[in-house]
Amino acid sequence: MGVFSRRFVERIDVLQVRVRVTDVVGDSHERVLDCMRGSREECNVPGAEPVNE
């Protein structure tokens, strides 16, 4: 989504983007994207397995 400064990451706990679309047959689909996922140092260790929640 973007590049966050260290100060931003330290101050913001949750940043989510909600995407809602309606397809051609009228079905609605919604996704919530966690923009802070992987931005903290303890989650961003080289060689570590990604966390899938």
PDB file of N, CA and C in Angstrom:
ATOM      1  N   MET A   1       0.816  -1.187   0.000  1.00  0.00           N
ATOM      2  CA  MET A   1       0.000   0.000   0.000  1.00  0.00           C
ATOM      3  C   MET A   1       0.859   1.250   0.000  1.00  0.00           C
ATOM      4  N   GLY A   2       1.998   1.177   0.655  1.00  0.00           N
ATOM      5  CA  GLY A   2       2.830   2.364   0.716  1.00  0.00           C
ATOM      6  C   GLY A   2       4.043   2.128   1.586  1.00  0.00           C
ATOM      7  N   VAL A   3       4.798   3.183   1.804  1.00  0.00           N
ATOM      8  CA  VAL A   3       5.971   3.139   2.660  1.00  0.00           C
ATOM      9  C   VAL A   3       5.660   3.971   3.888  1.00  0.00           C
ATOM     10  N   PHE A   4       5.861   3.380   5.074  1.00  0.00           N
ATOM     11  CA  PHE A   4       5.549   4.070   6.316  1.00  0.00           C
ATOM     12  C   PHE A   4       6.845   4.410   7.054  1.00  0.00           C
ATOM     13  N   SER A   5       6.869   5.591   7.659  1.00  0.00           N
ATOM     14  CA  SER A   5       8.029   5.978   8.465  1.00  0.00           C
ATOM     15  C   SER A   5       8.004   5.211   9.785  1.00  0.00           C
ATOM     16  N   ARG A   6       9.144   5.144  10.440  1.00  0.00           N
ATOM     17  CA  ARG A   6       9.241   4.470  11.732  1.00  0.00           C
ATOM     18  C   ARG A   6       8.285   5.122  12.736  1.00  0.00           C
ATOM     19  N   ARG A   7       8.202   6.437  12.735  1.00  0.00           N
ATOM     20  CA  ARG A   7       7.305   7.149  13.659  1.00  0.00           C
ATOM     21  C   ARG A   7       5.854   6.764  13.417  1.00  0.00           C
ATOM     22  N   PHE A   8       5.457   6.669  12.167  1.00  0.00           N
ATOM     23  CA  PHE A   8       4.086   6.273  11.817  1.00  0.00           C
ATOM     24  C   PHE A   8       3.785   4.874  12.341  1.00  0.00           C
ATOM     25  N   VAL A   9       4.709   3.927  12.125  1.00  0.00           N
ATOM     26  CA  VAL A   9       4.512   2.539  12.553  1.00  0.00           C
ATOM     27  C   VAL A   9       4.426   2.453  14.075  1.00  0.00           C
ATOM     28  N   GLU A  10       5.210   3.265  14.776  1.00  0.00           N
ATOM     29  CA  GLU A  10       5.167   3.257  16.239  1.00  0.00           C
ATOM     30  C   GLU A  10       3.859   3.818  16.782  1.00  0.00           C
ATOM     31  N   ARG A  11       3.230   4.750  16.070  1.00  0.00           N
ATOM     32  CA  ARG A  11       2.026   5.420  16.578  1.00  0.00           C
ATOM     33  C   ARG A  11       0.712   4.774  16.136  1.00  0.00           C
ATOM     34  N   ILE A  12       0.697   4.143  15.000  1.00  0.00           N
ATOM     35  CA  ILE A  12      -0.539   3.592  14.444  1.00  0.00           C
ATOM     36  C   ILE A  12      -0.598   2.095  14.708  1.00  0.00           C
ATOM     37  N   ASP A  13      -1.659   1.641  15.370  1.00  0.00           N
ATOM     38  CA  ASP A  13      -1.822   0.212  15.654  1.00  0.00           C
ATOM     39  C   ASP A  13      -2.517  -0.516  14.513  1.00  0.00           C
ATOM     40  N   VAL A  14      -3.549   0.100  13.951  1.00  0.00           N
ATOM     41  CA  VAL A  14      -4.362  -0.564  12.929  1.00  0.00           C
ATOM     42  C   VAL A  14      -4.620   0.417  11.787  1.00  0.00           C
ATOM     43  N   LEU A  15      -4.376  -0.053  10.573  1.00  0.00           N
ATOM     44  CA  LEU A  15      -4.723   0.708   9.373  1.00  0.00           C
ATOM     45  C   LEU A  15      -5.281  -0.295   8.375  1.00  0.00           C
ATOM     46  N   GLN A  16      -6.564  -0.213   8.125  1.00  0.00           N
ATOM     47  CA  GLN A  16      -7.217  -1.165   7.235  1.00  0.00           C
ATOM     48  C   GLN A  16      -7.914  -0.427   6.101  1.00  0.00           C
ATOM     49  N   VAL A  17      -7.932  -1.077   4.950  1.00  0.00           N
ATOM     50  CA  VAL A  17      -8.657  -0.576   3.783  1.00  0.00           C
ATOM     51  C   VAL A  17      -9.730  -1.605   3.459  1.00  0.00           C
ATOM     52  N   ARG A  18     -10.956  -1.155   3.346  1.00  0.00           N
ATOM     53  CA  ARG A  18     -12.066  -2.042   3.015  1.00  0.00           C
ATOM     54  C   ARG A  18     -12.420  -1.835   1.543  1.00  0.00           C
ATOM     55  N   VAL A  19     -12.408  -2.932   0.785  1.00  0.00           N
ATOM     56  CA  VAL A  19     -12.739  -2.889  -0.639  1.00  0.00           C
ATOM     57  C   VAL A  19     -14.027  -3.679  -0.835  1.00  0.00           C
ATOM     58  N   ARG A  20     -15.025  -3.032  -1.395  1.00  0.00           N
ATOM     59  CA  ARG A  20     -16.309  -3.681  -1.636  1.00  0.00           C
ATOM     60  C   ARG A  20     -16.668  -3.494  -3.109  1.00  0.00           C
ATOM     61  N   VAL A  21     -16.924  -4.606  -3.800  1.00  0.00           N
ATOM     62  CA  VAL A  21     -17.267  -4.549  -5.222  1.00  0.00           C
ATOM     63  C   VAL A  21     -18.516  -5.379  -5.475  1.00  0.00           C
ATOM     64  N   THR A  22     -19.196  -5.043  -6.554  1.00  0.00           N
ATOM     65  CA  THR A  22     -20.339  -5.825  -7.023  1.00  0.00           C
ATOM     66  C   THR A  22     -20.015  -6.276  -8.431  1.00  0.00           C
ATOM     67  N   ASP A  23     -20.096  -7.595  -8.666  1.00  0.00           N
ATOM     68  CA  ASP A  23     -19.752  -8.112  -9.986  1.00  0.00           C
ATOM     69  C   ASP A  23     -20.946  -8.003 -10.943  1.00  0.00           C
ATOM     70  N   VAL A  24     -20.749  -8.458 -12.179  1.00  0.00           N
ATOM     71  CA  VAL A  24     -21.751  -8.266 -13.227  1.00  0.00           C
ATOM     72  C   VAL A  24     -23.047  -9.026 -12.978  1.00  0.00           C
ATOM     73  N   VAL A  25     -23.019 -10.068 -12.128  1.00  0.00           N
ATOM     74  CA  VAL A  25     -24.248 -10.807 -11.844  1.00  0.00           C
ATOM     75  C   VAL A  25     -24.923 -10.326 -10.567  1.00  0.00           C
ATOM     76  N   GLY A  26     -24.355  -9.272  -9.951  1.00  0.00           N
ATOM     77  CA  GLY A  26     -24.984  -8.674  -8.785  1.00  0.00           C
ATOM     78  C   GLY A  26     -24.481  -9.175  -7.443  1.00  0.00           C
ATOM     79  N   ASP A  27     -23.503 -10.086  -7.436  1.00  0.00           N
ATOM     80  CA  ASP A  27     -22.938 -10.569  -6.178  1.00  0.00           C
ATOM     81  C   ASP A  27     -21.990  -9.522  -5.600  1.00  0.00           C
ATOM     82  N   SER A  28     -22.075  -9.316  -4.291  1.00  0.00           N
ATOM     83  CA  SER A  28     -21.179  -8.376  -3.614  1.00  0.00           C
ATOM     84  C   SER A  28     -20.030  -9.137  -2.964  1.00  0.00           C
ATOM     85  N   HIS A  29     -18.848  -8.557  -3.054  1.00  0.00           N
ATOM     86  CA  HIS A  29     -17.646  -9.144  -2.471  1.00  0.00           C
ATOM     87  C   HIS A  29     -16.936  -8.061  -1.670  1.00  0.00           C
ATOM     88  N   GLU A  30     -16.429  -8.430  -0.505  1.00  0.00           N
ATOM     89  CA  GLU A  30     -15.735  -7.462   0.340  1.00  0.00           C
ATOM     90  C   GLU A  30     -14.453  -8.076   0.892  1.00  0.00           C
ATOM     91  N   ARG A  31     -13.385  -7.282   0.904  1.00  0.00           N
ATOM     92  CA  ARG A  31     -12.111  -7.685   1.488  1.00  0.00           C
ATOM     93  C   ARG A  31     -11.638  -6.548   2.383  1.00  0.00           C
ATOM     94  N   VAL A  32     -11.041  -6.920   3.509  1.00  0.00           N
ATOM     95  CA  VAL A  32     -10.425  -5.945   4.399  1.00  0.00           C
ATOM     96  C   VAL A  32      -8.931  -6.205   4.369  1.00  0.00           C
ATOM     97  N   LEU A  33      -8.174  -5.200   3.953  1.00  0.00           N
ATOM     98  CA  LEU A  33      -6.726  -5.323   3.818  1.00  0.00           C
ATOM     99  C   LEU A  33      -6.040  -4.684   5.018  1.00  0.00           C
ATOM    100  N   ASP A  34      -5.175  -5.425   5.685  1.00  0.00           N
ATOM    101  CA  ASP A  34      -4.423  -4.930   6.830  1.00  0.00           C
ATOM    102  C   ASP A  34      -3.141  -4.287   6.311  1.00  0.00           C
ATOM    103  N   CYS A  35      -3.108  -2.968   6.264  1.00  0.00           N
ATOM    104  CA  CYS A  35      -1.967  -2.246   5.696  1.00  0.00           C
ATOM    105  C   CYS A  35      -0.746  -2.248   6.608  1.00  0.00           C
ATOM    106  N   MET A  36      -0.927  -2.564   7.884  1.00  0.00           N
ATOM    107  CA  MET A  36       0.187  -2.572   8.830  1.00  0.00           C
ATOM    108  C   MET A  36       0.847  -3.941   8.919  1.00  0.00           C
ATOM    109  N   ARG A  37       0.277  -4.940   8.291  1.00  0.00           N
ATOM    110  CA  ARG A  37       0.821  -6.300   8.356  1.00  0.00           C
ATOM    111  C   ARG A  37       2.241  -6.336   7.803  1.00  0.00           C
ATOM    112  N   GLY A  38       3.153  -6.838   8.606  1.00  0.00           N
ATOM    113  CA  GLY A  38       4.549  -6.948   8.193  1.00  0.00           C
ATOM    114  C   GLY A  38       5.367  -5.684   8.343  1.00  0.00           C
ATOM    115  N   SER A  39       4.784  -4.606   8.854  1.00  0.00           N
ATOM    116  CA  SER A  39       5.518  -3.345   8.941  1.00  0.00           C
ATOM    117  C   SER A  39       6.334  -3.212  10.213  1.00  0.00           C
ATOM    118  N   ARG A  40       6.023  -4.014  11.221  1.00  0.00           N
ATOM    119  CA  ARG A  40       6.762  -3.937  12.478  1.00  0.00           C
ATOM    120  C   ARG A  40       7.995  -4.834  12.411  1.00  0.00           C
ATOM    121  N   GLU A  41       9.063  -4.417  13.082  1.00  0.00           N
ATOM    122  CA  GLU A  41      10.345  -5.121  13.005  1.00  0.00           C
ATOM    123  C   GLU A  41      10.240  -6.579  13.419  1.00  0.00           C
ATOM    124  N   GLU A  42       9.476  -6.878  14.490  1.00  0.00           N
ATOM    125  CA  GLU A  42       9.382  -8.262  14.947  1.00  0.00           C
ATOM    126  C   GLU A  42       8.685  -9.153  13.933  1.00  0.00           C
ATOM    127  N   CYS A  43       7.922  -8.562  13.015  1.00  0.00           N
ATOM    128  CA  CYS A  43       7.233  -9.334  11.979  1.00  0.00           C
ATOM    129  C   CYS A  43       8.010  -9.338  10.676  1.00  0.00           C
ATOM    130  N   ASN A  44       9.051  -8.545  10.587  1.00  0.00           N
ATOM    131  CA  ASN A  44       9.764  -8.334   9.331  1.00  0.00           C
ATOM    132  C   ASN A  44      11.206  -8.847   9.433  1.00  0.00           C
ATOM    133  N   VAL A  45      11.366 -10.057   9.919  1.00  0.00           N
ATOM    134  CA  VAL A  45      12.689 -10.653  10.107  1.00  0.00           C
ATOM    135  C   VAL A  45      13.051 -11.440   8.851  1.00  0.00           C
ATOM    136  N   PRO A  46      14.220 -11.174   8.233  1.00  0.00           N
ATOM    137  CA  PRO A  46      14.617 -11.907   7.029  1.00  0.00           C
ATOM    138  C   PRO A  46      14.693 -13.406   7.322  1.00  0.00           C
ATOM    139  N   GLY A  47      14.159 -14.207   6.441  1.00  0.00           N
ATOM    140  CA  GLY A  47      14.181 -15.650   6.591  1.00  0.00           C
ATOM    141  C   GLY A  47      13.060 -16.224   7.423  1.00  0.00           C
ATOM    142  N   ALA A  48      12.273 -15.376   8.072  1.00  0.00           N
ATOM    143  CA  ALA A  48      11.164 -15.852   8.896  1.00  0.00           C
ATOM    144  C   ALA A  48       9.973 -16.180   8.007  1.00  0.00           C
ATOM    145  N   GLU A  49       9.188 -17.135   8.439  1.00  0.00           N
ATOM    146  CA  GLU A  49       7.978 -17.501   7.698  1.00  0.00           C
ATOM    147  C   GLU A  49       6.954 -16.386   7.804  1.00  0.00           C
ATOM    148  N   PRO A  50       6.259 -16.044   6.718  1.00  0.00           N
ATOM    149  CA  PRO A  50       5.201 -15.029   6.795  1.00  0.00           C
ATOM    150  C   PRO A  50       4.042 -15.528   7.643  1.00  0.00           C
ATOM    151  N   VAL A  51       3.389 -14.598   8.309  1.00  0.00           N
ATOM    152  CA  VAL A  51       2.242 -14.938   9.163  1.00  0.00           C
ATOM    153  C   VAL A  51       0.981 -14.788   8.344  1.00  0.00           C
ATOM    154  N   ASN A  52       0.221 -15.853   8.216  1.00  0.00           N
ATOM    155  CA  ASN A  52      -1.052 -15.809   7.488  1.00  0.00           C
ATOM    156  C   ASN A  52      -2.172 -15.882   8.505  1.00  0.00           C
ATOM    157  N   GLU A  53      -2.905 -14.796   8.635  1.00  0.00           N
ATOM    158  CA  GLU A  53      -4.022 -14.763   9.593  1.00  0.00           C
ATOM    159  C   GLU A  53      -5.328 -14.829   8.875  1.00  0.00           C
TER     160      GLU A  53
END
